[in-house]
């Protein structure tokens, strides 16, 4: 599985502010500001870079914000490919409040996508993931159908390309019909998928196993600070997350996706993928703004993560 392509339909410039406290109707000054390229696909590609996995990134950009992102990504990623759209790439804002400790996230609206751009993007995705794997993750522009990941996954599978899908709502529920190779919902996305609360690891594991039996090879479910669960042909496993100090949760799920993929494509076990995924996600939450994990920190956490088999 040599070729990996990561799709970024709706990238962003992530602006992070650290402040003491929000005050109603008053100006508040940030004492720390960061600017990072963002969006789930871009973060997955950045994570793969840290894990020394070469991937091509297929990204739609627009306007002056898009130019800034392209300049940064050209330096940060191994093989970025940009398709240019009219309008302006969105800006996302993360506010980290110190007193009391809180995090606020505001996601901007991206440009309306021309369907000719989508056709070119699909062609690039096919070229750069041929005989390998495509990562379909994150939100889509407002004018693009919620069937888009189902359509892409179906076409790519028919061309012999495996797909990893990490999405929410209708994007995820529709994509599942195409039986992708890997999915990685978080607990909230899984609950929205099954339309009910899941109150125990056994319930979560049972739903994950049902999805696996439906035809999805690997079903990883991230549980935030509680850890994660995976269901595959090897069984169902759970691992608790190590206790860490949380600075920012942005990018933790994307770091987990990159880590999972880095193990699976090398023929590693689902339990090994689960363990590294939790380590990279837990390392990411300790980083400022939208910065991702370092391998040094992730490696230190690995020894504190234990895998448990769940019998269902």
C-alpha atoms as a PDB file:
ATOM      1  CA  UNK A   1       0.000   0.000   0.000  1.00  0.00           C
ATOM      2  CA  UNK A   2       2.591   2.511  -1.185  1.00  0.00           C
ATOM      3  CA  UNK A   3       0.398   5.374  -2.366  1.00  0.00           C
ATOM      4  CA  UNK A   4      -1.536   7.454   0.164  1.00  0.00           C
ATOM      5  CA  UNK A   5      -3.591  10.521  -0.693  1.00  0.00           C
ATOM      6  CA  UNK A   6      -5.338  12.760   1.805  1.00  0.00           C
ATOM      7  CA  UNK A   7      -8.333  14.826   0.718  1.00  0.00           C
ATOM      8  CA  UNK A   8      -8.914  18.314   2.104  1.00  0.00           C
ATOM      9  CA  UNK A   9     -12.184  19.619   0.653  1.00  0.00           C
ATOM     10  CA  UNK A  10     -12.611  22.461   3.128  1.00  0.00           C
ATOM     11  CA  UNK A  11      -9.236  23.607   4.532  1.00  0.00           C
ATOM     12  CA  UNK A  12      -8.787  26.610   6.777  1.00  0.00           C
ATOM     13  CA  UNK A  13      -6.334  28.965   8.353  1.00  0.00           C
ATOM     14  CA  UNK A  14      -6.511  28.215  12.069  1.00  0.00           C
ATOM     15  CA  UNK A  15      -5.968  31.290  14.246  1.00  0.00           C
ATOM     16  CA  UNK A  16      -5.462  30.534  17.944  1.00  0.00           C
ATOM     17  CA  UNK A  17      -5.690  33.116  20.713  1.00  0.00           C
ATOM     18  CA  UNK A  18      -4.792  32.601  24.354  1.00  0.00           C
ATOM     19  CA  UNK A  19      -6.498  35.035  26.709  1.00  0.00           C
ATOM     20  CA  UNK A  20      -6.983  35.468  30.430  1.00  0.00           C
ATOM     21  CA  UNK A  21     -10.765  35.776  30.413  1.00  0.00           C
ATOM     22  CA  UNK A  22     -13.598  36.708  28.052  1.00  0.00           C
ATOM     23  CA  UNK A  23     -15.510  39.784  29.220  1.00  0.00           C
ATOM     24  CA  UNK A  24     -18.940  40.694  27.848  1.00  0.00           C
ATOM     25  CA  UNK A  25     -18.968  43.795  25.636  1.00  0.00           C
ATOM     26  CA  UNK A  26     -15.280  44.540  26.295  1.00  0.00           C
ATOM     27  CA  UNK A  27     -12.119  44.251  24.234  1.00  0.00           C
ATOM     28  CA  UNK A  28      -9.838  41.420  25.345  1.00  0.00           C
ATOM     29  CA  UNK A  29      -6.179  41.237  24.333  1.00  0.00           C
ATOM     30  CA  UNK A  30      -4.477  37.974  23.441  1.00  0.00           C
ATOM     31  CA  UNK A  31      -1.104  37.307  25.021  1.00  0.00           C
ATOM     32  CA  UNK A  32      -0.334  34.456  22.617  1.00  0.00           C
ATOM     33  CA  UNK A  33      -1.375  34.047  18.963  1.00  0.00           C
ATOM     34  CA  UNK A  34      -0.707  31.260  16.448  1.00  0.00           C
ATOM     35  CA  UNK A  35      -1.439  30.866  12.733  1.00  0.00           C
ATOM     36  CA  UNK A  36      -1.537  27.291  11.370  1.00  0.00           C
ATOM     37  CA  UNK A  37      -2.906  25.598   8.256  1.00  0.00           C
ATOM     38  CA  UNK A  38      -5.942  23.633   9.346  1.00  0.00           C
ATOM     39  CA  UNK A  39      -8.806  21.398   8.380  1.00  0.00           C
ATOM     40  CA  UNK A  40      -8.963  17.679   9.131  1.00  0.00           C
ATOM     41  CA  UNK A  41      -7.282  16.521   5.939  1.00  0.00           C
ATOM     42  CA  UNK A  42      -4.361  18.893   6.345  1.00  0.00           C
ATOM     43  CA  UNK A  43      -3.918  17.866   9.978  1.00  0.00           C
ATOM     44  CA  UNK A  44      -3.898  14.171   9.016  1.00  0.00           C
ATOM     45  CA  UNK A  45      -1.234  14.910   6.399  1.00  0.00           C
ATOM     46  CA  UNK A  46       0.812  16.844   8.971  1.00  0.00           C
ATOM     47  CA  UNK A  47       0.514  13.894  11.372  1.00  0.00           C
ATOM     48  CA  UNK A  48       1.659  11.426   8.704  1.00  0.00           C
ATOM     49  CA  UNK A  49       4.679  13.632   8.026  1.00  0.00           C
ATOM     50  CA  UNK A  50       5.668  13.405  11.704  1.00  0.00           C
ATOM     51  CA  UNK A  51       5.229   9.626  11.514  1.00  0.00           C
ATOM     52  CA  UNK A  52       7.538   9.482   8.474  1.00  0.00           C
ATOM     53  CA  UNK A  53       4.773   8.259   6.167  1.00  0.00           C
ATOM     54  CA  UNK A  54       4.861   9.944   2.776  1.00  0.00           C
ATOM     55  CA  UNK A  55       1.462  11.095   1.549  1.00  0.00           C
ATOM     56  CA  UNK A  56       0.088  13.325  -1.161  1.00  0.00           C
ATOM     57  CA  UNK A  57      -2.354  16.021  -0.026  1.00  0.00           C
ATOM     58  CA  UNK A  58      -5.115  17.059  -2.433  1.00  0.00           C
ATOM     59  CA  UNK A  59      -6.353  20.426  -1.264  1.00  0.00           C
ATOM     60  CA  UNK A  60      -8.813  23.067  -2.522  1.00  0.00           C
ATOM     61  CA  UNK A  61      -7.703  26.647  -1.795  1.00  0.00           C
ATOM     62  CA  UNK A  62      -8.976  30.123  -2.645  1.00  0.00           C
ATOM     63  CA  UNK A  63      -7.949  33.754  -2.328  1.00  0.00           C
ATOM     64  CA  UNK A  64      -5.241  35.418  -0.252  1.00  0.00           C
ATOM     65  CA  UNK A  65      -5.783  33.131   2.741  1.00  0.00           C
ATOM     66  CA  UNK A  66      -5.329  30.205   0.374  1.00  0.00           C
ATOM     67  CA  UNK A  67      -1.999  31.634  -0.817  1.00  0.00           C
ATOM     68  CA  UNK A  68      -0.784  31.895   2.767  1.00  0.00           C
ATOM     69  CA  UNK A  69      -1.793  28.295   3.471  1.00  0.00           C
ATOM     70  CA  UNK A  70      -0.130  27.043   0.279  1.00  0.00           C
ATOM     71  CA  UNK A  71       3.130  28.762   1.234  1.00  0.00           C
ATOM     72  CA  UNK A  72       3.105  27.108   4.655  1.00  0.00           C
ATOM     73  CA  UNK A  73       2.106  23.663   3.366  1.00  0.00           C
ATOM     74  CA  UNK A  74       4.747  23.689   0.650  1.00  0.00           C
ATOM     75  CA  UNK A  75       7.288  23.803   3.475  1.00  0.00           C
ATOM     76  CA  UNK A  76       5.461  21.465   5.883  1.00  0.00           C
ATOM     77  CA  UNK A  77       4.220  18.578   3.712  1.00  0.00           C
ATOM     78  CA  UNK A  78       5.931  16.052   1.457  1.00  0.00           C
ATOM     79  CA  UNK A  79       3.696  16.288  -1.610  1.00  0.00           C
ATOM     80  CA  UNK A  80       0.945  18.936  -1.525  1.00  0.00           C
ATOM     81  CA  UNK A  81      -1.278  19.496  -4.574  1.00  0.00           C
ATOM     82  CA  UNK A  82      -3.493  22.561  -4.781  1.00  0.00           C
ATOM     83  CA  UNK A  83      -6.578  23.170  -6.874  1.00  0.00           C
ATOM     84  CA  UNK A  84      -7.638  26.811  -6.887  1.00  0.00           C
ATOM     85  CA  UNK A  85     -11.211  27.962  -6.455  1.00  0.00           C
ATOM     86  CA  UNK A  86     -12.870  31.379  -6.591  1.00  0.00           C
ATOM     87  CA  UNK A  87     -13.648  33.151  -3.324  1.00  0.00           C
ATOM     88  CA  UNK A  88     -11.680  32.933  -0.080  1.00  0.00           C
ATOM     89  CA  UNK A  89     -10.477  30.043   2.052  1.00  0.00           C
ATOM     90  CA  UNK A  90     -12.134  30.045   5.467  1.00  0.00           C
ATOM     91  CA  UNK A  91     -10.588  31.119   8.769  1.00  0.00           C
ATOM     92  CA  UNK A  92     -11.208  29.125  11.941  1.00  0.00           C
ATOM     93  CA  UNK A  93     -10.701  30.617  15.383  1.00  0.00           C
ATOM     94  CA  UNK A  94      -9.712  28.874  18.622  1.00  0.00           C
ATOM     95  CA  UNK A  95      -9.876  30.833  21.887  1.00  0.00           C
ATOM     96  CA  UNK A  96      -8.155  29.334  24.911  1.00  0.00           C
ATOM     97  CA  UNK A  97      -9.318  30.961  28.121  1.00  0.00           C
ATOM     98  CA  UNK A  98      -7.228  30.677  31.280  1.00  0.00           C
ATOM     99  CA  UNK A  99      -9.790  31.818  33.872  1.00  0.00           C
ATOM    100  CA  UNK A 100     -11.740  29.582  34.132  1.00  0.00           C
ATOM    101  CA  UNK A 101     -10.047  27.060  31.811  1.00  0.00           C
ATOM    102  CA  UNK A 102     -12.199  26.803  28.682  1.00  0.00           C
ATOM    103  CA  UNK A 103     -11.759  26.410  24.940  1.00  0.00           C
ATOM    104  CA  UNK A 104     -14.001  28.021  22.322  1.00  0.00           C
ATOM    105  CA  UNK A 105     -13.926  27.130  18.629  1.00  0.00           C
ATOM    106  CA  UNK A 106     -15.496  29.057  15.745  1.00  0.00           C
ATOM    107  CA  UNK A 107     -15.339  27.552  12.255  1.00  0.00           C
ATOM    108  CA  UNK A 108     -15.710  29.859   9.279  1.00  0.00           C
ATOM    109  CA  UNK A 109     -17.531  29.205   6.020  1.00  0.00           C
ATOM    110  CA  UNK A 110     -15.480  28.253   2.992  1.00  0.00           C
ATOM    111  CA  UNK A 111     -16.102  29.216  -0.633  1.00  0.00           C
ATOM    112  CA  UNK A 112     -18.841  27.724  -2.776  1.00  0.00           C
ATOM    113  CA  UNK A 113     -17.173  24.959  -4.776  1.00  0.00           C
ATOM    114  CA  UNK A 114     -17.542  24.791  -8.539  1.00  0.00           C
ATOM    115  CA  UNK A 115     -18.341  21.233  -9.618  1.00  0.00           C
ATOM    116  CA  UNK A 116     -15.590  21.296 -12.246  1.00  0.00           C
ATOM    117  CA  UNK A 117     -13.151  21.744  -9.338  1.00  0.00           C
ATOM    118  CA  UNK A 118     -14.648  18.696  -7.647  1.00  0.00           C
ATOM    119  CA  UNK A 119     -14.103  16.644 -10.812  1.00  0.00           C
ATOM    120  CA  UNK A 120     -10.445  17.697 -10.963  1.00  0.00           C
ATOM    121  CA  UNK A 121     -10.028  16.941  -7.263  1.00  0.00           C
ATOM    122  CA  UNK A 122     -11.442  13.443  -7.703  1.00  0.00           C
ATOM    123  CA  UNK A 123      -9.059  12.843 -10.594  1.00  0.00           C
ATOM    124  CA  UNK A 124      -6.060  13.955  -8.496  1.00  0.00           C
ATOM    125  CA  UNK A 125      -7.207  11.814  -5.581  1.00  0.00           C
ATOM    126  CA  UNK A 126      -7.352   8.775  -7.867  1.00  0.00           C
ATOM    127  CA  UNK A 127      -3.906   9.463  -9.347  1.00  0.00           C
ATOM    128  CA  UNK A 128      -2.118   9.932  -6.021  1.00  0.00           C
ATOM    129  CA  UNK A 129      -3.823   7.039  -4.184  1.00  0.00           C
ATOM    130  CA  UNK A 130      -3.703   4.507  -7.036  1.00  0.00           C
ATOM    131  CA  UNK A 131      -3.343   0.938  -5.712  1.00  0.00           C
ATOM    132  CA  UNK A 132      -3.128   2.406  -2.205  1.00  0.00           C
ATOM    133  CA  UNK A 133      -5.351   4.286   0.214  1.00  0.00           C
ATOM    134  CA  UNK A 134      -7.301   7.545   0.230  1.00  0.00           C
ATOM    135  CA  UNK A 135      -8.175   9.455   3.403  1.00  0.00           C
ATOM    136  CA  UNK A 136     -11.569  11.188   3.253  1.00  0.00           C
ATOM    137  CA  UNK A 137     -11.994  13.360   6.303  1.00  0.00           C
ATOM    138  CA  UNK A 138     -13.570  16.552   7.556  1.00  0.00           C
ATOM    139  CA  UNK A 139     -16.425  18.766   6.464  1.00  0.00           C
ATOM    140  CA  UNK A 140     -17.451  19.618   2.910  1.00  0.00           C
ATOM    141  CA  UNK A 141     -18.369  22.987   1.356  1.00  0.00           C
ATOM    142  CA  UNK A 142     -22.024  23.900   1.917  1.00  0.00           C
ATOM    143  CA  UNK A 143     -23.053  23.382  -1.698  1.00  0.00           C
ATOM    144  CA  UNK A 144     -21.565  19.878  -1.933  1.00  0.00           C
ATOM    145  CA  UNK A 145     -23.899  16.929  -1.342  1.00  0.00           C
ATOM    146  CA  UNK A 146     -23.606  14.919   1.866  1.00  0.00           C
ATOM    147  CA  UNK A 147     -23.221  11.909  -0.439  1.00  0.00           C
ATOM    148  CA  UNK A 148     -19.779  13.064  -1.516  1.00  0.00           C
ATOM    149  CA  UNK A 149     -17.761  10.609   0.600  1.00  0.00           C
ATOM    150  CA  UNK A 150     -20.068   7.759  -0.403  1.00  0.00           C
ATOM    151  CA  UNK A 151     -19.583   8.663  -4.072  1.00  0.00           C
ATOM    152  CA  UNK A 152     -15.809   9.005  -3.765  1.00  0.00           C
ATOM    153  CA  UNK A 153     -15.441   5.876  -1.651  1.00  0.00           C
ATOM    154  CA  UNK A 154     -17.499   3.805  -4.072  1.00  0.00           C
ATOM    155  CA  UNK A 155     -15.572   5.000  -7.120  1.00  0.00           C
ATOM    156  CA  UNK A 156     -12.193   4.590  -5.463  1.00  0.00           C
ATOM    157  CA  UNK A 157     -13.044   1.097  -4.190  1.00  0.00           C
ATOM    158  CA  UNK A 158     -14.085   0.099  -7.707  1.00  0.00           C
ATOM    159  CA  UNK A 159     -10.640   1.258  -8.845  1.00  0.00           C
ATOM    160  CA  UNK A 160      -8.910  -0.917  -6.236  1.00  0.00           C
ATOM    161  CA  UNK A 161      -8.214   1.897  -3.751  1.00  0.00           C
ATOM    162  CA  UNK A 162      -8.969   1.471  -0.041  1.00  0.00           C
ATOM    163  CA  UNK A 163     -10.547   4.338   1.894  1.00  0.00           C
ATOM    164  CA  UNK A 164     -10.344   5.674   5.419  1.00  0.00           C
ATOM    165  CA  UNK A 165     -13.339   7.840   6.343  1.00  0.00           C
ATOM    166  CA  UNK A 166     -13.442  10.164   9.352  1.00  0.00           C
ATOM    167  CA  UNK A 167     -16.537  12.344   9.215  1.00  0.00           C
ATOM    168  CA  UNK A 168     -19.731  13.276  11.026  1.00  0.00           C
ATOM    169  CA  UNK A 169     -23.463  13.264  10.432  1.00  0.00           C
ATOM    170  CA  UNK A 170     -24.775  12.500   6.968  1.00  0.00           C
ATOM    171  CA  UNK A 171     -21.256  12.479   5.511  1.00  0.00           C
ATOM    172  CA  UNK A 172     -20.438   9.500   7.731  1.00  0.00           C
ATOM    173  CA  UNK A 173     -23.779   7.676   7.575  1.00  0.00           C
ATOM    174  CA  UNK A 174     -23.800   7.823   3.785  1.00  0.00           C
ATOM    175  CA  UNK A 175     -20.139   6.838   3.464  1.00  0.00           C
ATOM    176  CA  UNK A 176     -20.685   3.729   5.612  1.00  0.00           C
ATOM    177  CA  UNK A 177     -22.983   2.355   2.908  1.00  0.00           C
ATOM    178  CA  UNK A 178     -19.896   2.078   0.693  1.00  0.00           C
ATOM    179  CA  UNK A 179     -18.145  -0.078   3.353  1.00  0.00           C
ATOM    180  CA  UNK A 180     -14.840   1.806   3.597  1.00  0.00           C
ATOM    181  CA  UNK A 181     -11.697   0.015   4.767  1.00  0.00           C
ATOM    182  CA  UNK A 182     -11.365   2.070   7.993  1.00  0.00           C
ATOM    183  CA  UNK A 183     -13.626   4.475   9.852  1.00  0.00           C
ATOM    184  CA  UNK A 184     -12.716   6.525  12.934  1.00  0.00           C
ATOM    185  CA  UNK A 185     -15.738   8.228  14.510  1.00  0.00           C
ATOM    186  CA  UNK A 186     -15.483   9.746  17.953  1.00  0.00           C
ATOM    187  CA  UNK A 187     -18.054   8.775  20.563  1.00  0.00           C
ATOM    188  CA  UNK A 188     -20.334  11.748  19.775  1.00  0.00           C
ATOM    189  CA  UNK A 189     -20.264  10.993  16.048  1.00  0.00           C
ATOM    190  CA  UNK A 190     -21.000   7.322  16.751  1.00  0.00           C
ATOM    191  CA  UNK A 191     -23.965   8.247  18.963  1.00  0.00           C
ATOM    192  CA  UNK A 192     -25.335  10.514  16.238  1.00  0.00           C
ATOM    193  CA  UNK A 193     -24.896   7.662  13.782  1.00  0.00           C
ATOM    194  CA  UNK A 194     -26.917   5.173  15.848  1.00  0.00           C
ATOM    195  CA  UNK A 195     -29.259   7.891  17.204  1.00  0.00           C
ATOM    196  CA  UNK A 196     -28.884   6.932  20.876  1.00  0.00           C
ATOM    197  CA  UNK A 197     -26.590   7.390  23.857  1.00  0.00           C
ATOM    198  CA  UNK A 198     -23.920   4.765  24.428  1.00  0.00           C
ATOM    199  CA  UNK A 199     -23.232   4.597  28.136  1.00  0.00           C
ATOM    200  CA  UNK A 200     -20.664   1.826  28.488  1.00  0.00           C
ATOM    201  CA  UNK A 201     -17.586   0.473  26.733  1.00  0.00           C
ATOM    202  CA  UNK A 202     -19.502  -2.747  26.087  1.00  0.00           C
ATOM    203  CA  UNK A 203     -22.256  -0.857  24.245  1.00  0.00           C
ATOM    204  CA  UNK A 204     -19.696   1.100  22.209  1.00  0.00           C
ATOM    205  CA  UNK A 205     -17.759  -2.066  21.422  1.00  0.00           C
ATOM    206  CA  UNK A 206     -20.966  -3.832  20.336  1.00  0.00           C
ATOM    207  CA  UNK A 207     -21.825  -1.042  17.893  1.00  0.00           C
ATOM    208  CA  UNK A 208     -18.241  -1.036  16.567  1.00  0.00           C
ATOM    209  CA  UNK A 209     -18.411  -4.803  16.063  1.00  0.00           C
ATOM    210  CA  UNK A 210     -21.756  -4.491  14.242  1.00  0.00           C
ATOM    211  CA  UNK A 211     -20.172  -1.979  11.852  1.00  0.00           C
ATOM    212  CA  UNK A 212     -17.217  -4.310  11.323  1.00  0.00           C
ATOM    213  CA  UNK A 213     -19.548  -7.231  10.618  1.00  0.00           C
ATOM    214  CA  UNK A 214     -21.409  -5.006   8.145  1.00  0.00           C
ATOM    215  CA  UNK A 215     -18.240  -4.947   6.069  1.00  0.00           C
ATOM    216  CA  UNK A 216     -15.870  -2.300   7.446  1.00  0.00           C
ATOM    217  CA  UNK A 217     -12.455  -3.844   8.057  1.00  0.00           C
ATOM    218  CA  UNK A 218     -11.395  -1.591  10.932  1.00  0.00           C
ATOM    219  CA  UNK A 219     -13.719   0.429  13.180  1.00  0.00           C
ATOM    220  CA  UNK A 220     -11.867   2.734  15.571  1.00  0.00           C
ATOM    221  CA  UNK A 221     -13.894   4.807  18.052  1.00  0.00           C
ATOM    222  CA  UNK A 222     -12.123   7.583  19.944  1.00  0.00           C
ATOM    223  CA  UNK A 223     -13.450   8.323  23.421  1.00  0.00           C
ATOM    224  CA  UNK A 224     -11.532  11.499  24.233  1.00  0.00           C
ATOM    225  CA  UNK A 225      -9.787  11.398  27.601  1.00  0.00           C
ATOM    226  CA  UNK A 226     -11.269   7.911  28.200  1.00  0.00           C
ATOM    227  CA  UNK A 227      -9.251   6.272  25.409  1.00  0.00           C
ATOM    228  CA  UNK A 228     -10.467   4.372  22.347  1.00  0.00           C
ATOM    229  CA  UNK A 229     -11.942   1.101  21.069  1.00  0.00           C
ATOM    230  CA  UNK A 230     -11.293  -0.871  17.889  1.00  0.00           C
ATOM    231  CA  UNK A 231     -13.191  -3.735  16.241  1.00  0.00           C
ATOM    232  CA  UNK A 232     -11.614  -5.816  13.463  1.00  0.00           C
ATOM    233  CA  UNK A 233     -11.044  -9.436  12.400  1.00  0.00           C
ATOM    234  CA  UNK A 234      -8.524  -9.625  15.247  1.00  0.00           C
ATOM    235  CA  UNK A 235     -11.190  -8.954  17.878  1.00  0.00           C
ATOM    236  CA  UNK A 236     -12.421  -5.991  19.891  1.00  0.00           C
ATOM    237  CA  UNK A 237      -9.955  -4.044  22.035  1.00  0.00           C
ATOM    238  CA  UNK A 238     -10.039  -1.105  24.426  1.00  0.00           C
ATOM    239  CA  UNK A 239      -7.233   1.085  25.739  1.00  0.00           C
ATOM    240  CA  UNK A 240      -7.494   3.861  28.307  1.00  0.00           C
ATOM    241  CA  UNK A 241      -5.791   7.149  27.548  1.00  0.00           C
ATOM    242  CA  UNK A 242      -2.910   8.235  29.806  1.00  0.00           C
ATOM    243  CA  UNK A 243      -3.607  11.121  32.163  1.00  0.00           C
ATOM    244  CA  UNK A 244      -2.170  14.300  30.632  1.00  0.00           C
ATOM    245  CA  UNK A 245      -2.560  18.056  30.990  1.00  0.00           C
ATOM    246  CA  UNK A 246      -4.806  19.359  28.216  1.00  0.00           C
ATOM    247  CA  UNK A 247      -3.709  22.558  26.472  1.00  0.00           C
ATOM    248  CA  UNK A 248      -5.747  22.270  23.242  1.00  0.00           C
ATOM    249  CA  UNK A 249      -7.860  19.446  21.837  1.00  0.00           C
ATOM    250  CA  UNK A 250      -7.665  20.670  18.237  1.00  0.00           C
ATOM    251  CA  UNK A 251      -6.084  18.078  15.951  1.00  0.00           C
ATOM    252  CA  UNK A 252      -6.117  15.211  18.466  1.00  0.00           C
ATOM    253  CA  UNK A 253      -8.516  13.109  16.381  1.00  0.00           C
ATOM    254  CA  UNK A 254      -6.567  13.819  13.197  1.00  0.00           C
ATOM    255  CA  UNK A 255      -3.339  12.797  14.937  1.00  0.00           C
ATOM    256  CA  UNK A 256      -5.019   9.552  15.909  1.00  0.00           C
ATOM    257  CA  UNK A 257      -6.076   8.939  12.298  1.00  0.00           C
ATOM    258  CA  UNK A 258      -2.520   9.471  11.063  1.00  0.00           C
ATOM    259  CA  UNK A 259      -1.101   7.152  13.714  1.00  0.00           C
ATOM    260  CA  UNK A 260      -3.664   4.410  13.015  1.00  0.00           C
ATOM    261  CA  UNK A 261      -2.945   4.581   9.314  1.00  0.00           C
ATOM    262  CA  UNK A 262       0.831   4.501   9.836  1.00  0.00           C
ATOM    263  CA  UNK A 263       0.521   1.154  11.642  1.00  0.00           C
ATOM    264  CA  UNK A 264      -2.101  -0.504   9.428  1.00  0.00           C
ATOM    265  CA  UNK A 265      -0.298   0.213   6.146  1.00  0.00           C
ATOM    266  CA  UNK A 266       2.818  -1.479   7.541  1.00  0.00           C
ATOM    267  CA  UNK A 267       0.855  -4.617   8.397  1.00  0.00           C
ATOM    268  CA  UNK A 268       0.639  -3.894  12.130  1.00  0.00           C
ATOM    269  CA  UNK A 269      -2.185  -5.143  14.313  1.00  0.00           C
ATOM    270  CA  UNK A 270      -5.321  -3.202  15.196  1.00  0.00           C
ATOM    271  CA  UNK A 271      -4.230  -3.242  18.864  1.00  0.00           C
ATOM    272  CA  UNK A 272      -0.890  -1.669  17.921  1.00  0.00           C
ATOM    273  CA  UNK A 273      -2.691   0.935  15.833  1.00  0.00           C
ATOM    274  CA  UNK A 274      -5.013   1.678  18.748  1.00  0.00           C
ATOM    275  CA  UNK A 275      -2.088   2.144  21.104  1.00  0.00           C
ATOM    276  CA  UNK A 276      -0.119   4.494  18.836  1.00  0.00           C
ATOM    277  CA  UNK A 277      -3.305   6.388  17.944  1.00  0.00           C
ATOM    278  CA  UNK A 278      -4.018   7.124  21.599  1.00  0.00           C
ATOM    279  CA  UNK A 279      -0.393   8.092  22.227  1.00  0.00           C
ATOM    280  CA  UNK A 280      -0.323  10.604  19.354  1.00  0.00           C
ATOM    281  CA  UNK A 281      -3.747  12.004  20.240  1.00  0.00           C
ATOM    282  CA  UNK A 282      -2.762  12.375  23.905  1.00  0.00           C
ATOM    283  CA  UNK A 283       0.486  14.064  22.906  1.00  0.00           C
ATOM    284  CA  UNK A 284      -1.386  16.492  20.649  1.00  0.00           C
ATOM    285  CA  UNK A 285      -3.711  17.758  23.406  1.00  0.00           C
ATOM    286  CA  UNK A 286      -0.611  18.901  25.289  1.00  0.00           C
ATOM    287  CA  UNK A 287       0.457  21.176  22.425  1.00  0.00           C
ATOM    288  CA  UNK A 288      -0.562  24.849  22.004  1.00  0.00           C
ATOM    289  CA  UNK A 289      -3.139  26.045  19.476  1.00  0.00           C
ATOM    290  CA  UNK A 290      -3.447  23.671  16.547  1.00  0.00           C
ATOM    291  CA  UNK A 291       0.095  22.318  16.805  1.00  0.00           C
ATOM    292  CA  UNK A 292       0.327  18.516  16.636  1.00  0.00           C
ATOM    293  CA  UNK A 293       2.275  15.944  18.632  1.00  0.00           C
ATOM    294  CA  UNK A 294       6.003  15.358  18.644  1.00  0.00           C
ATOM    295  CA  UNK A 295       7.211  11.772  18.269  1.00  0.00           C
ATOM    296  CA  UNK A 296       9.364  12.212  21.375  1.00  0.00           C
ATOM    297  CA  UNK A 297       6.298  12.947  23.506  1.00  0.00           C
ATOM    298  CA  UNK A 298       4.167  10.236  21.852  1.00  0.00           C
ATOM    299  CA  UNK A 299       6.888   7.630  22.438  1.00  0.00           C
ATOM    300  CA  UNK A 300       7.018   8.532  26.134  1.00  0.00           C
ATOM    301  CA  UNK A 301       3.260   7.958  26.446  1.00  0.00           C
ATOM    302  CA  UNK A 302       3.258   4.564  24.721  1.00  0.00           C
ATOM    303  CA  UNK A 303       4.547   2.757  27.795  1.00  0.00           C
ATOM    304  CA  UNK A 304       1.569   3.990  29.830  1.00  0.00           C
ATOM    305  CA  UNK A 305      -1.083   2.575  27.485  1.00  0.00           C
ATOM    306  CA  UNK A 306      -2.406  -0.932  28.092  1.00  0.00           C
ATOM    307  CA  UNK A 307      -4.600  -2.901  25.701  1.00  0.00           C
ATOM    308  CA  UNK A 308      -7.605  -4.891  26.972  1.00  0.00           C
ATOM    309  CA  UNK A 309      -9.599  -7.401  24.937  1.00  0.00           C
ATOM    310  CA  UNK A 310     -13.385  -7.061  25.114  1.00  0.00           C
ATOM    311  CA  UNK A 311     -15.276 -10.333  24.778  1.00  0.00           C
ATOM    312  CA  UNK A 312     -18.621  -9.912  23.028  1.00  0.00           C
END
